[in-house]
Amino acid sequence: MIDRIVLHPKFTRSYRKRIAPDKQLSLRTRQRIELFKHNPSHPILRNHPLQGEKGGFRSFSITGDVRIIYKIEGTIATFFDIGTHNQVY
């Protein structure tokens, strides 16, 4: 269970530019974040560690192509980026 989510400034910029204009995607994102807070390993999120340049980060899915990149320390998750697979990797 996640106690707190911290939003990195890059995440906030990406969210405003890529997600917020689409109301349905914005709603889906809020729903998935709520699910992530309560059960980060829920299968629908497809939560997994990243490798290579992004080693140490993790990712979970909002839709088939939209993902959130984050790091977790204890019960605090810091969201670093959000967007399509091509935008965040």
N, C-alpha and C. Protein backbone atom coordinates (compact mmCIF):
# COMPACT_ATOMS: atom_id res chain seq x y z
N MET A 1 0.84 -1.19 0.00
CA MET A 1 0.00 0.00 0.00
C MET A 1 0.88 1.24 0.00
N ILE A 2 0.48 2.23 -0.76
CA ILE A 2 1.22 3.48 -0.90
C ILE A 2 0.57 4.53 0.01
N ASP A 3 1.37 5.13 0.87
CA ASP A 3 0.85 6.16 1.77
C ASP A 3 0.79 7.54 1.11
N ARG A 4 1.77 7.80 0.23
CA ARG A 4 1.83 9.15 -0.35
C ARG A 4 2.42 9.07 -1.76
N ILE A 5 1.92 9.94 -2.62
CA ILE A 5 2.45 10.07 -3.97
C ILE A 5 2.99 11.48 -4.13
N VAL A 6 4.23 11.57 -4.59
CA VAL A 6 4.88 12.85 -4.85
C VAL A 6 4.96 13.02 -6.35
N LEU A 7 4.61 14.20 -6.85
CA LEU A 7 4.63 14.46 -8.29
C LEU A 7 5.86 15.30 -8.63
N HIS A 8 6.74 14.73 -9.42
CA HIS A 8 7.92 15.44 -9.92
C HIS A 8 7.43 16.52 -10.89
N PRO A 9 8.12 17.68 -10.97
CA PRO A 9 7.68 18.73 -11.91
C PRO A 9 7.54 18.24 -13.36
N LYS A 10 8.40 17.33 -13.79
CA LYS A 10 8.28 16.79 -15.16
C LYS A 10 6.97 16.03 -15.33
N PHE A 11 6.57 15.27 -14.31
CA PHE A 11 5.30 14.55 -14.38
C PHE A 11 4.15 15.54 -14.53
N THR A 12 4.17 16.59 -13.73
CA THR A 12 3.10 17.59 -13.78
C THR A 12 3.00 18.23 -15.16
N ARG A 13 4.14 18.59 -15.75
CA ARG A 13 4.14 19.19 -17.10
C ARG A 13 3.61 18.20 -18.12
N SER A 14 4.08 16.96 -18.05
CA SER A 14 3.64 15.93 -19.01
C SER A 14 2.15 15.66 -18.88
N TYR A 15 1.67 15.60 -17.63
CA TYR A 15 0.24 15.36 -17.41
C TYR A 15 -0.60 16.47 -18.04
N ARG A 16 -0.22 17.71 -17.79
CA ARG A 16 -0.99 18.85 -18.33
C ARG A 16 -1.01 18.85 -19.86
N LYS A 17 0.12 18.50 -20.45
CA LYS A 17 0.25 18.54 -21.90
C LYS A 17 -0.37 17.32 -22.58
N ARG A 18 -0.12 16.14 -22.03
CA ARG A 18 -0.49 14.90 -22.72
C ARG A 18 -1.80 14.27 -22.27
N ILE A 19 -2.18 14.46 -21.01
CA ILE A 19 -3.32 13.72 -20.45
C ILE A 19 -4.53 14.61 -20.20
N ALA A 20 -4.33 15.74 -19.55
CA ALA A 20 -5.44 16.60 -19.12
C ALA A 20 -6.39 17.02 -20.24
N PRO A 21 -5.91 17.31 -21.46
CA PRO A 21 -6.85 17.71 -22.52
C PRO A 21 -7.88 16.63 -22.89
N ASP A 22 -7.58 15.38 -22.62
CA ASP A 22 -8.49 14.28 -22.93
C ASP A 22 -9.21 13.87 -21.64
N LYS A 23 -10.47 14.26 -21.51
CA LYS A 23 -11.22 14.04 -20.27
C LYS A 23 -11.33 12.57 -19.90
N GLN A 24 -11.56 11.70 -20.89
CA GLN A 24 -11.67 10.26 -20.60
C GLN A 24 -10.34 9.70 -20.10
N LEU A 25 -9.25 10.11 -20.74
CA LEU A 25 -7.93 9.64 -20.33
C LEU A 25 -7.57 10.18 -18.94
N SER A 26 -7.98 11.40 -18.67
CA SER A 26 -7.74 11.99 -17.35
C SER A 26 -8.49 11.21 -16.26
N LEU A 27 -9.73 10.85 -16.54
CA LEU A 27 -10.52 10.05 -15.60
C LEU A 27 -9.89 8.68 -15.39
N ARG A 28 -9.49 8.01 -16.47
CA ARG A 28 -8.86 6.70 -16.38
C ARG A 28 -7.57 6.78 -15.56
N THR A 29 -6.81 7.86 -15.76
CA THR A 29 -5.56 8.04 -15.03
C THR A 29 -5.84 8.15 -13.53
N ARG A 30 -6.81 8.94 -13.16
CA ARG A 30 -7.15 9.09 -11.73
C ARG A 30 -7.60 7.75 -11.14
N GLN A 31 -8.37 6.98 -11.90
CA GLN A 31 -8.83 5.68 -11.42
C GLN A 31 -7.66 4.72 -11.22
N ARG A 32 -6.74 4.69 -12.18
CA ARG A 32 -5.58 3.79 -12.07
C ARG A 32 -4.65 4.20 -10.93
N ILE A 33 -4.49 5.50 -10.71
CA ILE A 33 -3.65 5.96 -9.60
C ILE A 33 -4.28 5.54 -8.27
N GLU A 34 -5.58 5.65 -8.16
CA GLU A 34 -6.28 5.21 -6.94
C GLU A 34 -6.06 3.71 -6.72
N LEU A 35 -6.19 2.93 -7.77
CA LEU A 35 -5.96 1.50 -7.68
C LEU A 35 -4.50 1.23 -7.28
N PHE A 36 -3.57 1.96 -7.87
CA PHE A 36 -2.15 1.82 -7.55
C PHE A 36 -1.89 2.09 -6.07
N LYS A 37 -2.53 3.11 -5.53
CA LYS A 37 -2.35 3.44 -4.10
C LYS A 37 -2.74 2.27 -3.20
N HIS A 38 -3.82 1.60 -3.54
CA HIS A 38 -4.34 0.53 -2.69
C HIS A 38 -3.71 -0.83 -2.98
N ASN A 39 -3.34 -1.06 -4.24
CA ASN A 39 -2.78 -2.35 -4.61
C ASN A 39 -1.83 -2.19 -5.81
N PRO A 40 -0.58 -1.77 -5.56
CA PRO A 40 0.37 -1.53 -6.65
C PRO A 40 0.64 -2.76 -7.52
N SER A 41 0.37 -3.94 -7.01
CA SER A 41 0.65 -5.14 -7.80
C SER A 41 -0.59 -5.71 -8.49
N HIS A 42 -1.67 -4.94 -8.55
CA HIS A 42 -2.88 -5.41 -9.24
C HIS A 42 -2.53 -5.72 -10.70
N PRO A 43 -2.97 -6.86 -11.21
CA PRO A 43 -2.58 -7.29 -12.57
C PRO A 43 -2.95 -6.30 -13.67
N ILE A 44 -4.04 -5.56 -13.52
CA ILE A 44 -4.46 -4.63 -14.57
C ILE A 44 -3.44 -3.52 -14.78
N LEU A 45 -2.63 -3.23 -13.76
CA LEU A 45 -1.63 -2.16 -13.85
C LEU A 45 -0.37 -2.59 -14.61
N ARG A 46 -0.14 -3.87 -14.71
CA ARG A 46 1.07 -4.39 -15.37
C ARG A 46 2.32 -3.68 -14.85
N ASN A 47 2.41 -3.60 -13.53
CA ASN A 47 3.52 -2.93 -12.86
C ASN A 47 4.80 -3.75 -13.03
N HIS A 48 5.88 -3.09 -13.45
CA HIS A 48 7.13 -3.83 -13.67
C HIS A 48 8.35 -2.92 -13.53
N PRO A 49 9.50 -3.50 -13.18
CA PRO A 49 10.74 -2.71 -13.10
C PRO A 49 11.27 -2.43 -14.50
N LEU A 50 11.97 -1.32 -14.63
CA LEU A 50 12.57 -0.96 -15.92
C LEU A 50 14.05 -1.33 -15.91
N GLN A 51 14.60 -1.43 -17.10
CA GLN A 51 16.01 -1.80 -17.24
C GLN A 51 16.75 -0.77 -18.07
N GLY A 52 18.05 -0.93 -18.17
CA GLY A 52 18.86 -0.04 -19.00
C GLY A 52 18.97 1.34 -18.38
N GLU A 53 18.82 2.37 -19.22
CA GLU A 53 18.92 3.76 -18.76
C GLU A 53 17.96 4.07 -17.62
N LYS A 54 16.83 3.44 -17.63
CA LYS A 54 15.78 3.69 -16.63
C LYS A 54 15.83 2.68 -15.48
N GLY A 55 16.93 1.97 -15.34
CA GLY A 55 17.08 1.03 -14.25
C GLY A 55 16.85 1.74 -12.92
N GLY A 56 16.16 1.10 -12.00
CA GLY A 56 15.82 1.71 -10.72
C GLY A 56 14.42 2.32 -10.71
N PHE A 57 13.88 2.54 -11.90
CA PHE A 57 12.51 3.04 -12.03
C PHE A 57 11.57 1.87 -12.26
N ARG A 58 10.30 2.14 -12.07
CA ARG A 58 9.25 1.17 -12.36
C ARG A 58 8.21 1.85 -13.24
N SER A 59 7.32 1.06 -13.81
CA SER A 59 6.27 1.58 -14.68
C SER A 59 4.98 0.82 -14.44
N PHE A 60 3.86 1.54 -14.55
CA PHE A 60 2.56 0.86 -14.58
C PHE A 60 1.70 1.49 -15.65
N SER A 61 0.75 0.71 -16.15
CA SER A 61 -0.06 1.12 -17.29
C SER A 61 -1.35 1.80 -16.88
N ILE A 62 -1.67 2.84 -17.64
CA ILE A 62 -2.97 3.52 -17.52
C ILE A 62 -3.90 2.94 -18.59
N THR A 63 -3.40 2.86 -19.82
CA THR A 63 -4.11 2.21 -20.93
C THR A 63 -3.10 1.26 -21.57
N GLY A 64 -3.45 0.71 -22.72
CA GLY A 64 -2.51 -0.17 -23.41
C GLY A 64 -1.20 0.51 -23.76
N ASP A 65 -1.23 1.82 -24.01
CA ASP A 65 -0.02 2.53 -24.44
C ASP A 65 0.45 3.61 -23.46
N VAL A 66 -0.40 4.08 -22.58
CA VAL A 66 -0.03 5.17 -21.66
C VAL A 66 0.48 4.58 -20.35
N ARG A 67 1.62 5.12 -19.90
CA ARG A 67 2.27 4.60 -18.69
C ARG A 67 2.71 5.72 -17.76
N ILE A 68 2.87 5.36 -16.50
CA ILE A 68 3.47 6.25 -15.51
C ILE A 68 4.80 5.63 -15.10
N ILE A 69 5.84 6.46 -15.12
CA ILE A 69 7.18 6.05 -14.68
C ILE A 69 7.36 6.58 -13.26
N TYR A 70 7.81 5.73 -12.35
CA TYR A 70 7.92 6.15 -10.96
C TYR A 70 9.04 5.42 -10.24
N LYS A 71 9.37 5.94 -9.06
CA LYS A 71 10.28 5.26 -8.12
C LYS A 71 9.53 5.13 -6.81
N ILE A 72 9.86 4.09 -6.08
CA ILE A 72 9.20 3.89 -4.79
C ILE A 72 10.26 3.75 -3.72
N GLU A 73 10.03 4.45 -2.61
CA GLU A 73 10.91 4.36 -1.45
C GLU A 73 10.02 4.16 -0.24
N GLY A 74 10.04 2.96 0.30
CA GLY A 74 9.16 2.64 1.42
C GLY A 74 7.72 2.65 0.95
N THR A 75 6.93 3.55 1.54
CA THR A 75 5.52 3.66 1.15
C THR A 75 5.25 4.96 0.39
N ILE A 76 6.32 5.59 -0.12
CA ILE A 76 6.19 6.84 -0.88
C ILE A 76 6.58 6.56 -2.33
N ALA A 77 5.68 6.90 -3.24
CA ALA A 77 5.95 6.75 -4.67
C ALA A 77 6.13 8.14 -5.27
N THR A 78 7.19 8.31 -6.05
CA THR A 78 7.42 9.57 -6.76
C THR A 78 7.18 9.31 -8.23
N PHE A 79 6.19 10.01 -8.80
CA PHE A 79 5.87 9.88 -10.21
C PHE A 79 6.76 10.85 -10.99
N PHE A 80 7.51 10.33 -11.99
CA PHE A 80 8.45 11.13 -12.76
C PHE A 80 7.96 11.51 -14.13
N ASP A 81 7.16 10.67 -14.77
CA ASP A 81 6.70 10.97 -16.13
C ASP A 81 5.44 10.18 -16.43
N ILE A 82 4.68 10.69 -17.41
CA ILE A 82 3.47 10.02 -17.89
C ILE A 82 3.35 10.29 -19.36
N GLY A 83 2.95 9.28 -20.11
CA GLY A 83 2.75 9.44 -21.54
C GLY A 83 2.73 8.09 -22.23
N THR A 84 2.72 8.14 -23.56
CA THR A 84 2.74 6.90 -24.33
C THR A 84 4.10 6.23 -24.18
N HIS A 85 4.17 4.99 -24.59
CA HIS A 85 5.42 4.23 -24.52
C HIS A 85 6.56 5.03 -25.18
N ASN A 86 6.34 5.55 -26.37
CA ASN A 86 7.38 6.29 -27.06
C ASN A 86 7.76 7.59 -26.37
N GLN A 87 6.81 8.23 -25.69
CA GLN A 87 7.09 9.50 -25.02
C GLN A 87 7.92 9.32 -23.76
N VAL A 88 7.71 8.26 -23.01
CA VAL A 88 8.37 8.12 -21.71
C VAL A 88 9.64 7.28 -21.75
N TYR A 89 9.88 6.52 -22.82
CA TYR A 89 11.09 5.69 -22.89
C TYR A 89 12.10 6.27 -23.84
